[in-house]
Amino acid sequence: MWKAPHGRKSDVVWEENNIVPKLVLEVVSETYGHEYDDKMTIYAKLGVLYYVIYNPQYAQRHQHDPFEVYRLVDVDYMRQWDEPCWMPEIGLGIGRAMGVYKNRRREWLYWYDEKGKRFKTPLEKNKLMLRQKERAQQKAKMATQQAEQELQRADLATRQAEQERQRADKLAKMLQEMGIDPNS
């Protein structure tokens, strides 16, 4: 649900027809927000199936890994160790990789498919489409050049054939003038 005029920072279950999200992603800021204890307990009680904590810069301070995925099993969260972590109930995987966004090269979170292949970002898709378009244009240009060369070769062959025909006609005429039948 969109809250005017600027939206909101988080979902509120009672304003979402009491639908609990299947995934909660916490990005830890410089200020510790009890991501590893209080919030985890609250999300487990709500029944949030996956709880992901991304803490890239301050992991050592909290004695946790920079990226942790938990799955709710009965009433407790169990750490998932695969990365990327495939979440079949959601149909997505989540994991980290180095990437560039707005000229910043760093580690980012990305979505993955069931086989562990990272989905491309919209920017990556656009760049790929541009490269494909450029390749297609280059292929079209090369095909046009090849077609032009073939036309030139065909034109040359036609001119050469016409020259040979004219030479044969001239030779036949000369033979006739000498009284020789050129067809014999």
Foldseek 3Di string as FASTA:
>chain_A
DADPDPGDDDDDCVVVVNDQAQEDEAEADPDGDCLPHPVQLVSLVSPRAKYWYADPPCCVVVVHDRIWMWGRDPRHTDTDDDVQAQDVVVQKTKHWDWDADPNDTDIDIFIAGPVRHTDDDPVRVVVVVVVVVVVVVVVVVVVVVVVVVVVVVVVVVVVVVVVVVVVVVVVCVVCVVVVHHPVD
